[in-house]
Amino acid sequence: MTSFDFSNGKHISISDSYSQRVYLNPQEALDLLQWLSDRKDELYSFTQGDTNQAPAETLLEIHLHEEDLGHLDELKAAIPDLHERRPVVKVLDAHWGTVSERSFVA
């Protein structure tokens, strides 16, 4: 299974099931996204077996870290149908060893 990671804002990594990895800078990732978008009908036909039916609607959900929000306008330009649908969520993390049992009883 292929996995994608955009966690540090400097590059996007794409890994396949053989652990082969490719790194793209943000502009290369946007170029790839545009290229894929331009060919989405062809890609659907490859996966659906070349039927004459319109492909079912598939949504792409993109999660951006706060440090990557500077690329939001570029992303919207590359994907004109992109819509924001949720407010920003604050995500907190802590090292597991520092979390006491008492903190779960709040």
C-alpha atoms as a PDB file:
ATOM      1  CA  MET A   1       0.000   0.000   0.000  1.00  0.00           C
ATOM      2  CA  THR A   2       1.271   3.457  -0.824  1.00  0.00           C
ATOM      3  CA  SER A   3       1.645   6.038   1.927  1.00  0.00           C
ATOM      4  CA  PHE A   4       2.116   9.796   1.776  1.00  0.00           C
ATOM      5  CA  ASP A   5       3.651  12.096   4.364  1.00  0.00           C
ATOM      6  CA  PHE A   6       3.801  15.892   4.477  1.00  0.00           C
ATOM      7  CA  SER A   7       4.796  16.404   8.064  1.00  0.00           C
ATOM      8  CA  ASN A   8       7.670  18.851   8.059  1.00  0.00           C
ATOM      9  CA  GLY A   9       6.632  21.348   5.362  1.00  0.00           C
ATOM     10  CA  LYS A  10       9.896  20.958   3.464  1.00  0.00           C
ATOM     11  CA  HIS A  11       9.132  17.853   1.450  1.00  0.00           C
ATOM     12  CA  ILE A  12       6.466  15.288   0.731  1.00  0.00           C
ATOM     13  CA  SER A  13       7.423  11.640   0.841  1.00  0.00           C
ATOM     14  CA  ILE A  14       5.658   8.893  -1.056  1.00  0.00           C
ATOM     15  CA  SER A  15       6.414   5.298  -0.035  1.00  0.00           C
ATOM     16  CA  ASP A  16       5.275   2.136  -1.773  1.00  0.00           C
ATOM     17  CA  SER A  17       4.677  -1.333  -0.338  1.00  0.00           C
ATOM     18  CA  TYR A  18       8.339  -2.224  -1.007  1.00  0.00           C
ATOM     19  CA  SER A  19       9.518   0.708   1.160  1.00  0.00           C
ATOM     20  CA  GLN A  20      10.817   2.554  -1.864  1.00  0.00           C
ATOM     21  CA  ARG A  21      10.508   6.259  -1.191  1.00  0.00           C
ATOM     22  CA  VAL A  22      10.505   9.424  -3.263  1.00  0.00           C
ATOM     23  CA  TYR A  23      10.735  12.950  -1.873  1.00  0.00           C
ATOM     24  CA  LEU A  24       9.131  15.986  -3.524  1.00  0.00           C
ATOM     25  CA  ASN A  25       9.490  19.626  -2.581  1.00  0.00           C
ATOM     26  CA  PRO A  26       6.175  21.522  -2.237  1.00  0.00           C
ATOM     27  CA  GLN A  27       6.288  22.866  -5.819  1.00  0.00           C
ATOM     28  CA  GLU A  28       6.989  19.414  -7.259  1.00  0.00           C
ATOM     29  CA  ALA A  29       4.080  18.030  -5.218  1.00  0.00           C
ATOM     30  CA  LEU A  30       1.748  20.714  -6.578  1.00  0.00           C
ATOM     31  CA  ASP A  31       2.957  19.980 -10.126  1.00  0.00           C
ATOM     32  CA  LEU A  32       2.244  16.277  -9.572  1.00  0.00           C
ATOM     33  CA  LEU A  33      -1.173  17.077  -8.134  1.00  0.00           C
ATOM     34  CA  GLN A  34      -2.033  19.219 -11.175  1.00  0.00           C
ATOM     35  CA  TRP A  35      -0.768  16.519 -13.548  1.00  0.00           C
ATOM     36  CA  LEU A  36      -2.863  13.855 -11.791  1.00  0.00           C
ATOM     37  CA  SER A  37      -5.902  16.142 -11.750  1.00  0.00           C
ATOM     38  CA  ASP A  38      -5.580  16.744 -15.486  1.00  0.00           C
ATOM     39  CA  ARG A  39      -5.623  12.976 -16.045  1.00  0.00           C
ATOM     40  CA  LYS A  40      -8.185  11.907 -13.447  1.00  0.00           C
ATOM     41  CA  ASP A  41     -10.659  10.553 -16.019  1.00  0.00           C
ATOM     42  CA  GLU A  42      -7.951   8.365 -17.541  1.00  0.00           C
ATOM     43  CA  LEU A  43      -6.921   7.146 -14.104  1.00  0.00           C
ATOM     44  CA  TYR A  44     -10.532   6.285 -13.218  1.00  0.00           C
ATOM     45  CA  SER A  45     -10.908   4.337 -16.460  1.00  0.00           C
ATOM     46  CA  PHE A  46      -7.771   2.306 -15.626  1.00  0.00           C
ATOM     47  CA  THR A  47      -9.152   1.373 -12.211  1.00  0.00           C
ATOM     48  CA  GLN A  48     -12.780   0.867 -13.303  1.00  0.00           C
ATOM     49  CA  GLY A  49     -12.143  -1.255 -16.390  1.00  0.00           C
ATOM     50  CA  ASP A  50     -12.950   1.256 -19.157  1.00  0.00           C
ATOM     51  CA  THR A  51     -16.722   1.378 -18.694  1.00  0.00           C
ATOM     52  CA  ASN A  52     -18.840   4.121 -20.218  1.00  0.00           C
ATOM     53  CA  GLN A  53     -20.293   5.024 -16.837  1.00  0.00           C
ATOM     54  CA  ALA A  54     -19.200   8.168 -15.059  1.00  0.00           C
ATOM     55  CA  PRO A  55     -16.936   7.363 -12.123  1.00  0.00           C
ATOM     56  CA  ALA A  56     -18.384   7.616  -8.636  1.00  0.00           C
ATOM     57  CA  GLU A  57     -17.446  10.808  -6.865  1.00  0.00           C
ATOM     58  CA  THR A  58     -14.277  10.419  -4.868  1.00  0.00           C
ATOM     59  CA  LEU A  59     -13.120  13.084  -2.472  1.00  0.00           C
ATOM     60  CA  LEU A  60      -9.550  13.978  -1.653  1.00  0.00           C
ATOM     61  CA  GLU A  61      -9.082  15.112   1.925  1.00  0.00           C
ATOM     62  CA  ILE A  62      -5.951  17.134   2.624  1.00  0.00           C
ATOM     63  CA  HIS A  63      -4.700  17.799   6.141  1.00  0.00           C
ATOM     64  CA  LEU A  64      -2.253  20.688   6.462  1.00  0.00           C
ATOM     65  CA  HIS A  65      -0.055  21.377   9.444  1.00  0.00           C
ATOM     66  CA  GLU A  66      -0.002  24.980  10.656  1.00  0.00           C
ATOM     67  CA  GLU A  67       3.500  25.499   9.292  1.00  0.00           C
ATOM     68  CA  ASP A  68       2.248  24.438   5.833  1.00  0.00           C
ATOM     69  CA  LEU A  69      -0.688  26.867   5.669  1.00  0.00           C
ATOM     70  CA  GLY A  70       1.501  29.254   3.669  1.00  0.00           C
ATOM     71  CA  HIS A  71       0.985  26.891   0.706  1.00  0.00           C
ATOM     72  CA  LEU A  72      -2.813  27.036   0.939  1.00  0.00           C
ATOM     73  CA  ASP A  73      -3.250  29.633  -1.836  1.00  0.00           C
ATOM     74  CA  GLU A  74      -1.042  27.596  -4.188  1.00  0.00           C
ATOM     75  CA  LEU A  75      -3.041  24.489  -3.365  1.00  0.00           C
ATOM     76  CA  LYS A  76      -6.327  26.288  -4.024  1.00  0.00           C
ATOM     77  CA  ALA A  77      -4.948  27.548  -7.350  1.00  0.00           C
ATOM     78  CA  ALA A  78      -3.943  24.009  -8.337  1.00  0.00           C
ATOM     79  CA  ILE A  79      -7.322  22.558  -7.276  1.00  0.00           C
ATOM     80  CA  PRO A  80     -10.047  25.087  -8.140  1.00  0.00           C
ATOM     81  CA  ASP A  81     -12.794  22.922  -6.571  1.00  0.00           C
ATOM     82  CA  LEU A  82     -11.035  22.811  -3.194  1.00  0.00           C
ATOM     83  CA  HIS A  83     -13.296  23.767  -0.277  1.00  0.00           C
ATOM     84  CA  GLU A  84     -12.550  24.250   3.391  1.00  0.00           C
ATOM     85  CA  ARG A  85     -15.201  22.473   5.407  1.00  0.00           C
ATOM     86  CA  ARG A  86     -14.053  22.403   9.011  1.00  0.00           C
ATOM     87  CA  PRO A  87     -12.631  24.879  11.446  1.00  0.00           C
ATOM     88  CA  VAL A  88      -9.024  24.533  12.510  1.00  0.00           C
ATOM     89  CA  VAL A  89      -8.484  21.914  15.204  1.00  0.00           C
ATOM     90  CA  LYS A  90      -5.810  22.196  17.862  1.00  0.00           C
ATOM     91  CA  VAL A  91      -3.814  18.986  18.221  1.00  0.00           C
ATOM     92  CA  LEU A  92      -1.819  18.421  21.389  1.00  0.00           C
ATOM     93  CA  ASP A  93       0.746  15.740  22.058  1.00  0.00           C
ATOM     94  CA  ALA A  94       2.838  14.569  24.986  1.00  0.00           C
ATOM     95  CA  HIS A  95       5.336  11.804  25.604  1.00  0.00           C
ATOM     96  CA  TRP A  96       3.362   8.821  26.886  1.00  0.00           C
ATOM     97  CA  GLY A  97       5.645   8.359  29.888  1.00  0.00           C
ATOM     98  CA  THR A  98       4.806  11.845  31.197  1.00  0.00           C
ATOM     99  CA  VAL A  99       1.033  11.251  31.218  1.00  0.00           C
ATOM    100  CA  SER A 100      -0.278  10.157  34.622  1.00  0.00           C
ATOM    101  CA  GLU A 101      -3.338   8.038  35.273  1.00  0.00           C
ATOM    102  CA  ARG A 102      -4.847  11.028  37.081  1.00  0.00           C
ATOM    103  CA  SER A 103      -4.897  13.036  33.844  1.00  0.00           C
ATOM    104  CA  PHE A 104      -7.482  10.617  32.375  1.00  0.00           C
ATOM    105  CA  VAL A 105      -9.923  11.115  35.262  1.00  0.00           C
ATOM    106  CA  ALA A 106     -10.627  14.757  34.609  1.00  0.00           C
END
